Amino acid sequence: MKKNICLSLLLCVLAVTTFAQSNRFGKLLKETPGMVSYTMRASFAKDVPGTLDKIKALGITNMEMSSLFGKTAAEMRKYLDERGMRCSSYGVRYNALKDNMDSVIRDAKTLGAEFVRLSGVPYKGTFTLEDAKRTVDDFNQFGRKLKANGLTFVYHNHGFEFQPYQNGTLFDYIVQNTNPDDVSYEMDILWVFHPGHDPETLLKKYPKRFKLMHVKDLKKGIKGDFSGSTPPENDVTLGTGQLNLPAILKAAQKTAIKYYYIEDESPIVEQQVPLSIAYLKSL
């Protein structure tokens, strides 16, 4: 009997050790990253629960929902709960925050989100100082209201905000003129690099302002600009593009970033994401 008990205990230890090793990430990213729902947007549009099953099978349980894909927040929460998954960040559009803040708050709380994320602001042609000033006013307003309701507002940069301004950029102007108690940021590393800036340097410049990160890579040879746009096929498997991911993630460990999300906009995302996960584990 004692031999059987000892053998059972040994098998349990081996099983736990094997599971831990199989789910362990590299030193630069200690926890399994989440995923932005936009990555699987084509699949979500056809089958929400089936897509969540595919994502869960990759070992990912933390979602940033950039859309509800025709479902109510309650329905999406039910699908997530059934799979032991969660939504830590809820992405919405500018008009939703401007005109329907109460609905945003209600849906975010139903989803169980900690963060409400915005990924763009209205402007025409080139993003200007006047656009940045309006953005600052809006962000401070959005942030105050969300904070009062137990949520954290984050803005996801998109490249166009990096127009030069004085000794820095208009993105610097926005960060420096928004209230740090109410307004935080989600760094999309591709959209820092694309307009010609270094994500590692920006993380070191504002270590307390960034709370979330989109982890992605840009195809080699692509030249960036301030458009905030690049063809989706230019999103490549992590570690195969232009970004220095080891340096970026090392710098990120010394910041206030809480969650990392894989985002891949390519048309072959289901081929690339498993390779990207393997790359992150290797770091």
Protein backbone atom coordinates (compact mmCIF):
# COMPACT_ATOMS: atom_id res chain seq x y z
CA MET A 1 0.00 0.00 0.00
CA LYS A 2 2.80 2.42 0.96
CA LYS A 3 4.55 1.74 -2.36
CA ASN A 4 1.34 2.52 -4.24
CA ILE A 5 0.86 5.78 -2.31
CA CYS A 6 4.45 6.81 -2.95
CA LEU A 7 4.11 5.98 -6.63
CA SER A 8 0.89 8.00 -6.87
CA LEU A 9 2.52 10.98 -5.19
CA LEU A 10 5.48 10.75 -7.55
CA LEU A 11 3.21 10.67 -10.58
CA CYS A 12 1.32 13.71 -9.30
CA VAL A 13 4.56 15.64 -8.81
CA LEU A 14 5.74 14.70 -12.30
CA ALA A 15 2.41 15.72 -13.81
CA VAL A 16 2.43 19.11 -12.07
CA THR A 17 6.08 19.69 -13.05
CA THR A 18 5.41 18.78 -16.67
CA PHE A 19 2.38 21.11 -16.80
CA ALA A 20 4.34 23.96 -15.25
CA GLN A 21 7.20 23.50 -17.70
CA SER A 22 4.91 23.30 -20.69
CA ASN A 23 3.20 26.57 -19.70
CA ARG A 24 6.28 28.40 -18.50
CA PHE A 25 7.30 31.47 -20.48
CA GLY A 26 10.78 32.84 -20.89
CA LYS A 27 12.45 35.13 -18.40
CA LEU A 28 11.34 38.24 -20.28
CA LEU A 29 7.62 37.38 -20.12
CA LYS A 30 6.85 35.43 -17.00
CA GLU A 31 3.11 34.97 -17.58
CA THR A 32 1.25 33.62 -20.57
CA PRO A 33 0.28 36.61 -22.72
CA GLY A 34 -3.30 37.36 -23.56
CA MET A 35 -4.73 37.98 -27.01
CA VAL A 36 -6.51 40.88 -28.68
CA SER A 37 -9.78 39.60 -30.11
CA TYR A 38 -9.05 41.55 -33.31
CA THR A 39 -6.36 38.95 -34.03
CA MET A 40 -9.07 36.34 -34.64
CA ARG A 41 -11.68 38.76 -35.97
CA ALA A 42 -12.51 36.70 -39.07
CA SER A 43 -13.08 33.59 -36.98
CA PHE A 44 -15.03 35.46 -34.29
CA ALA A 45 -17.34 36.87 -36.96
CA LYS A 46 -18.41 33.32 -37.84
CA ASP A 47 -18.32 31.50 -34.50
CA VAL A 48 -17.68 33.21 -31.16
CA PRO A 49 -17.65 30.17 -28.84
CA GLY A 50 -15.68 28.07 -31.33
CA THR A 51 -13.07 30.80 -31.67
CA LEU A 52 -12.69 31.06 -27.90
CA ASP A 53 -12.13 27.29 -27.87
CA LYS A 54 -9.32 27.68 -30.41
CA ILE A 55 -7.70 30.43 -28.38
CA LYS A 56 -8.01 28.46 -25.15
CA ALA A 57 -6.35 25.48 -26.88
CA LEU A 58 -3.30 27.71 -27.45
CA GLY A 59 -3.02 28.19 -23.70
CA ILE A 60 -4.41 31.73 -23.77
CA THR A 61 -7.13 32.65 -21.28
CA ASN A 62 -6.82 36.44 -20.99
CA MET A 63 -8.62 38.45 -23.66
CA GLU A 64 -8.74 42.05 -24.72
CA MET A 65 -12.11 42.25 -26.42
CA SER A 66 -12.02 44.89 -29.13
CA SER A 67 -15.52 43.91 -30.24
CA LEU A 68 -18.45 41.86 -28.93
CA PHE A 69 -19.04 40.42 -32.42
CA GLY A 70 -22.81 40.81 -32.29
CA LYS A 71 -23.15 39.39 -28.77
CA THR A 72 -24.22 41.21 -25.64
CA ALA A 73 -21.66 41.76 -22.92
CA ALA A 74 -23.55 39.26 -20.77
CA GLU A 75 -23.44 36.62 -23.51
CA MET A 76 -19.71 37.17 -24.06
CA ARG A 77 -19.05 36.96 -20.32
CA LYS A 78 -20.94 33.66 -20.21
CA TYR A 79 -18.83 32.21 -23.04
CA LEU A 80 -15.64 33.31 -21.28
CA ASP A 81 -16.71 31.99 -17.87
CA GLU A 82 -17.66 28.62 -19.32
CA ARG A 83 -14.09 28.25 -20.60
CA GLY A 84 -12.24 29.59 -17.58
CA MET A 85 -11.30 32.67 -19.60
CA ARG A 86 -11.58 36.38 -18.82
CA CYS A 87 -11.69 39.81 -20.40
CA SER A 88 -9.20 42.11 -18.68
CA SER A 89 -9.50 44.97 -21.19
CA TYR A 90 -12.45 46.17 -23.26
CA GLY A 91 -11.72 48.13 -26.42
CA VAL A 92 -14.25 50.72 -27.59
CA ARG A 93 -14.46 53.48 -30.19
CA TYR A 94 -14.15 57.21 -29.57
CA ASN A 95 -17.85 57.93 -30.19
CA ALA A 96 -18.84 55.31 -27.63
CA LEU A 97 -16.86 57.10 -24.94
CA LYS A 98 -17.99 60.53 -26.08
CA ASP A 99 -21.69 59.79 -26.49
CA ASN A 100 -22.46 56.53 -24.65
CA MET A 101 -20.15 56.44 -21.64
CA ASP A 102 -22.78 54.84 -19.38
CA SER A 103 -23.19 51.94 -21.80
CA VAL A 104 -19.42 51.50 -22.01
CA ILE A 105 -19.16 51.36 -18.22
CA ARG A 106 -22.02 48.90 -17.96
CA ASP A 107 -20.58 46.56 -20.61
CA ALA A 108 -17.04 46.77 -19.22
CA LYS A 109 -18.25 45.82 -15.75
CA THR A 110 -20.39 43.00 -17.12
CA LEU A 111 -17.35 41.62 -18.93
CA GLY A 112 -15.28 41.90 -15.76
CA ALA A 113 -12.76 44.21 -17.45
CA GLU A 114 -10.26 46.27 -15.48
CA PHE A 115 -9.34 48.54 -18.40
CA VAL A 116 -11.29 50.42 -21.05
CA ARG A 117 -9.14 50.96 -24.13
CA LEU A 118 -9.42 53.51 -26.92
CA SER A 119 -7.30 53.06 -30.06
CA GLY A 120 -7.92 56.16 -32.09
CA VAL A 121 -9.17 59.75 -32.09
CA PRO A 122 -10.81 61.76 -34.89
CA TYR A 123 -8.64 64.02 -37.03
CA LYS A 124 -8.33 65.00 -40.69
CA GLY A 125 -5.19 64.88 -42.81
CA THR A 126 -2.21 65.31 -40.51
CA PHE A 127 -2.55 65.07 -36.73
CA THR A 128 -1.87 68.58 -35.38
CA LEU A 129 -1.26 70.35 -32.08
CA GLU A 130 -4.91 71.43 -32.05
CA ASP A 131 -5.91 67.78 -32.42
CA ALA A 132 -3.58 66.89 -29.56
CA LYS A 133 -5.06 69.61 -27.31
CA ARG A 134 -8.58 68.35 -27.97
CA THR A 135 -7.35 64.81 -27.31
CA VAL A 136 -5.91 65.84 -23.94
CA ASP A 137 -9.22 67.41 -22.89
CA ASP A 138 -11.17 64.32 -23.98
CA PHE A 139 -8.81 61.87 -22.31
CA ASN A 140 -8.88 63.70 -19.00
CA GLN A 141 -12.67 63.69 -19.12
CA PHE A 142 -12.91 60.02 -20.12
CA GLY A 143 -10.37 59.01 -17.48
CA ARG A 144 -12.12 60.83 -14.62
CA LYS A 145 -15.48 59.27 -15.40
CA LEU A 146 -14.10 55.75 -15.80
CA LYS A 147 -11.98 55.99 -12.66
CA ALA A 148 -15.02 57.11 -10.67
CA ASN A 149 -16.64 53.86 -11.79
CA GLY A 150 -13.71 51.61 -10.86
CA LEU A 151 -12.22 51.33 -14.35
CA THR A 152 -8.90 52.47 -15.84
CA PHE A 153 -8.84 54.36 -19.13
CA VAL A 154 -5.98 53.50 -21.50
CA TYR A 155 -5.15 54.90 -24.91
CA HIS A 156 -3.56 52.66 -27.54
CA ASN A 157 -1.13 54.62 -29.74
CA HIS A 158 -1.51 54.24 -33.47
CA GLY A 159 1.45 56.00 -35.06
CA PHE A 160 -0.10 59.26 -36.26
CA GLU A 161 0.43 60.84 -32.80
CA PHE A 162 4.22 60.80 -33.24
CA GLN A 163 4.38 63.90 -35.42
CA PRO A 164 7.37 66.01 -34.27
CA TYR A 165 6.60 68.73 -31.73
CA GLN A 166 9.18 70.94 -29.98
CA ASN A 167 11.86 68.59 -28.59
CA GLY A 168 9.65 65.51 -28.85
CA THR A 169 6.38 64.46 -30.44
CA LEU A 170 2.68 65.17 -30.13
CA PHE A 171 2.43 61.84 -28.30
CA ASP A 172 4.76 63.31 -25.68
CA TYR A 173 2.50 66.35 -25.48
CA ILE A 174 -0.54 64.14 -24.87
CA VAL A 175 1.14 62.03 -22.20
CA GLN A 176 2.61 65.04 -20.40
CA ASN A 177 -0.66 66.97 -20.36
CA THR A 178 -3.04 64.20 -19.29
CA ASN A 179 -3.63 63.49 -15.62
CA PRO A 180 -1.54 60.43 -14.64
CA ASP A 181 -4.10 59.53 -11.99
CA ASP A 182 -6.85 59.20 -14.60
CA VAL A 183 -5.19 58.49 -17.95
CA SER A 184 -2.92 55.55 -18.77
CA TYR A 185 -1.62 54.05 -22.01
CA GLU A 186 -1.38 50.79 -23.89
CA MET A 187 1.78 50.59 -25.97
CA ASP A 188 1.39 49.01 -29.37
CA ILE A 189 5.06 48.41 -30.10
CA LEU A 190 4.58 48.20 -33.88
CA TRP A 191 2.86 51.59 -33.88
CA VAL A 192 5.73 53.14 -31.96
CA PHE A 193 8.33 51.65 -34.30
CA HIS A 194 6.46 52.32 -37.58
CA PRO A 195 6.65 56.15 -37.29
CA GLY A 196 10.36 55.92 -36.44
CA HIS A 197 10.58 55.61 -32.66
CA ASP A 198 12.04 53.05 -30.27
CA PRO A 199 9.57 51.26 -27.94
CA GLU A 200 12.35 50.50 -25.43
CA THR A 201 13.27 54.19 -25.15
CA LEU A 202 9.63 55.23 -24.79
CA LEU A 203 9.05 52.69 -22.03
CA LYS A 204 12.01 54.06 -20.12
CA LYS A 205 10.74 57.62 -20.64
CA TYR A 206 7.26 56.88 -19.22
CA PRO A 207 7.63 53.78 -17.03
CA LYS A 208 4.53 54.51 -14.95
CA ARG A 209 2.14 55.57 -17.71
CA PHE A 210 1.97 52.37 -19.76
CA LYS A 211 -0.29 49.69 -18.23
CA LEU A 212 -0.86 47.36 -21.20
CA MET A 213 1.09 46.26 -24.27
CA HIS A 214 0.32 44.86 -27.73
CA VAL A 215 3.13 42.50 -28.73
CA LYS A 216 3.59 42.32 -32.50
CA ASP A 217 6.27 42.51 -35.18
CA LEU A 218 6.72 44.33 -38.50
CA LYS A 219 7.93 42.67 -41.68
CA LYS A 220 11.56 43.34 -42.56
CA GLY A 221 12.13 45.99 -45.22
CA ILE A 222 8.91 47.90 -44.54
CA LYS A 223 9.42 51.65 -44.21
CA GLY A 224 7.14 53.41 -41.76
CA ASP A 225 5.43 56.80 -41.68
CA PHE A 226 2.85 58.77 -39.68
CA SER A 227 -0.20 57.26 -41.38
CA GLY A 228 -1.04 54.79 -38.62
CA SER A 229 -1.63 52.23 -41.35
CA THR A 230 0.19 49.32 -42.99
CA PRO A 231 -1.15 46.34 -44.98
CA PRO A 232 -2.12 43.45 -42.67
CA GLU A 233 0.36 41.08 -44.30
CA ASN A 234 3.13 43.24 -42.80
CA ASP A 235 2.30 41.79 -39.37
CA VAL A 236 4.67 38.84 -39.08
CA THR A 237 5.47 36.09 -36.59
CA LEU A 238 7.14 37.48 -33.48
CA GLY A 239 10.91 37.40 -33.75
CA THR A 240 10.99 37.36 -37.56
CA GLY A 241 10.53 41.08 -38.16
CA GLN A 242 12.26 44.36 -37.40
CA LEU A 243 11.46 44.90 -33.73
CA ASN A 244 14.00 44.08 -31.02
CA LEU A 245 11.56 42.13 -28.87
CA PRO A 246 14.06 40.92 -26.24
CA ALA A 247 15.14 44.51 -25.51
CA ILE A 248 11.57 45.81 -25.52
CA LEU A 249 10.25 43.11 -23.19
CA LYS A 250 13.22 43.49 -20.87
CA ALA A 251 12.49 47.21 -20.57
CA ALA A 252 8.79 46.49 -20.08
CA GLN A 253 9.51 44.39 -16.98
CA LYS A 254 10.60 47.60 -15.21
CA THR A 255 7.38 49.48 -16.00
CA ALA A 256 3.80 49.47 -14.72
CA ILE A 257 2.60 47.19 -17.54
CA LYS A 258 0.23 44.58 -16.14
CA TYR A 259 -0.97 42.65 -19.19
CA TYR A 260 0.61 41.77 -22.54
CA TYR A 261 -1.57 40.83 -25.52
CA ILE A 262 -0.55 39.17 -28.76
CA GLU A 263 -1.98 41.05 -31.72
CA ASP A 264 -1.53 39.82 -35.25
CA GLU A 265 -3.51 41.43 -38.07
CA SER A 266 -2.20 39.15 -40.84
CA PRO A 267 -4.43 36.95 -43.03
CA ILE A 268 -2.51 33.85 -41.82
CA VAL A 269 -2.89 34.52 -38.12
CA GLU A 270 -3.78 30.91 -37.21
CA GLN A 271 -0.42 29.80 -38.64
CA GLN A 272 1.59 32.62 -37.09
CA VAL A 273 0.22 32.83 -33.54
CA PRO A 274 1.44 29.37 -32.40
CA LEU A 275 4.91 30.25 -33.72
CA SER A 276 4.77 33.59 -31.93
CA ILE A 277 3.88 31.87 -28.66
CA ALA A 278 6.79 29.46 -29.12
CA TYR A 279 9.09 32.42 -29.72
CA LEU A 280 8.00 34.16 -26.53
CA LYS A 281 8.58 30.96 -24.56
CA SER A 282 12.13 30.81 -25.92
CA LEU A 283 13.14 34.23 -24.63
